[in-house]
Protein backbone atom coordinates (compact mmCIF):
# COMPACT_ATOMS: atom_id res chain seq x y z
CA MET A 1 162.14 62.35 -27.52
CA ARG A 2 159.24 61.12 -29.65
CA ILE A 3 157.01 60.67 -26.62
CA GLY A 4 157.59 64.29 -25.65
CA MET A 5 156.68 65.44 -29.14
CA LEU A 6 153.56 63.29 -29.09
CA LEU A 7 152.51 64.67 -25.72
CA SER A 8 153.05 68.26 -26.86
CA ALA A 9 150.99 67.56 -29.98
CA LEU A 10 148.14 66.10 -27.91
CA ARG A 11 148.16 68.90 -25.34
CA PRO A 12 145.63 71.11 -27.21
CA LEU A 13 143.24 68.16 -27.43
CA TRP A 14 143.64 67.51 -23.71
CA GLU A 15 142.95 71.17 -22.93
CA ALA A 16 139.88 71.16 -25.18
CA ALA A 17 138.61 67.98 -23.49
CA ARG A 18 139.15 69.56 -20.08
CA ASP A 19 137.19 72.65 -21.15
CA LEU A 20 134.38 70.60 -22.65
CA ALA A 21 134.09 68.06 -19.81
CA PRO A 22 131.70 70.05 -17.55
CA ILE A 23 129.24 70.55 -20.40
CA VAL A 24 129.32 66.86 -21.33
CA LEU A 25 128.91 65.81 -17.70
CA VAL A 26 125.86 68.04 -17.20
CA ILE A 27 124.23 66.68 -20.35
CA LEU A 28 125.02 63.08 -19.35
CA PHE A 29 123.66 63.65 -15.85
CA PHE A 30 120.46 65.14 -17.20
CA GLN A 31 120.00 62.36 -19.76
CA LEU A 32 120.78 59.42 -17.47
CA VAL A 33 119.57 60.61 -14.05
CA VAL A 34 116.80 63.12 -14.67
CA LEU A 35 115.25 61.72 -17.85
CA GLN A 36 116.37 58.14 -17.10
CA GLN A 37 116.71 57.42 -20.79
CA PRO A 38 119.55 55.68 -22.63
CA ILE A 39 121.67 57.80 -24.91
CA PRO A 40 120.35 57.40 -28.46
CA HIS A 41 122.80 57.01 -31.36
CA LEU A 42 125.85 56.77 -29.11
CA ALA A 43 128.31 56.18 -31.98
CA ASP A 44 127.13 59.31 -33.78
CA LEU A 45 127.30 61.27 -30.54
CA LEU A 46 130.89 60.16 -29.84
CA THR A 47 131.92 60.97 -33.42
CA GLY A 48 130.43 64.43 -33.08
CA LEU A 49 132.11 64.92 -29.73
CA LEU A 50 135.48 64.00 -31.23
CA LEU A 51 134.95 66.48 -34.06
CA VAL A 52 134.00 69.19 -31.56
CA LEU A 53 137.18 68.46 -29.57
CA ILE A 54 139.34 68.75 -32.69
CA GLY A 55 137.59 71.95 -33.75
CA LEU A 56 137.89 73.51 -30.31
CA ALA A 57 141.57 72.60 -30.12
CA CYS A 58 142.21 74.16 -33.54
CA LEU A 59 140.22 77.26 -32.62
CA CYS A 60 142.16 77.76 -29.39
CA ALA A 61 145.51 77.18 -31.12
CA GLY A 62 144.63 79.70 -33.82
CA TRP A 63 143.35 82.15 -31.27
CA ARG A 64 146.60 81.97 -29.31
CA SER A 65 148.86 82.27 -32.33
CA GLY A 66 146.87 84.96 -34.11
CA CYS A 67 145.34 87.18 -31.48
CA PHE A 68 147.77 87.16 -28.62
CA ARG A 69 150.62 88.40 -30.78
CA SER A 70 148.76 91.49 -31.86
CA VAL A 71 147.15 92.26 -28.51
CA SER A 72 150.02 94.54 -27.57
CA ARG A 73 148.80 97.00 -30.22
CA TRP A 74 145.35 97.04 -28.68
CA ARG A 75 146.39 97.61 -25.09
CA MET A 76 145.95 101.36 -25.44
CA PRO A 77 142.36 102.28 -24.50
CA LEU A 78 140.01 103.01 -27.41
CA PRO A 79 139.37 106.72 -26.65
CA THR A 80 143.12 107.37 -26.47
CA ARG A 81 143.62 105.65 -29.83
CA ALA A 82 140.78 107.64 -31.37
CA ILE A 83 142.19 110.95 -30.16
CA SER A 84 145.74 110.08 -31.19
CA SER A 85 144.59 109.07 -34.68
CA GLY A 86 142.92 112.45 -35.17
CA CYS A 87 139.35 111.28 -35.58
CA CYS A 88 138.13 113.49 -32.75
CA SER A 89 140.19 116.59 -33.45
CA SER A 90 138.41 119.91 -33.42
CA PRO A 91 137.99 121.73 -36.78
């Protein structure tokens, strides 16, 4: 029971890490293979990466809970909404 709750709590972080992985891999490839330089300030970089993961997970969770509930109001195309609200009515 507790393991399931823990896994569901960590799911947004996993999804954020999955979304961020291609960007990190491209940067690592460029730094290590193309430039052939070690990564400077690795501890600071990993701390920043962790903060970005947490921020991205929070952003996505807020986006899902806030925007997707109200999207049903916005499904009607904009010109139809404008006409039905009376902004384009003739005088």
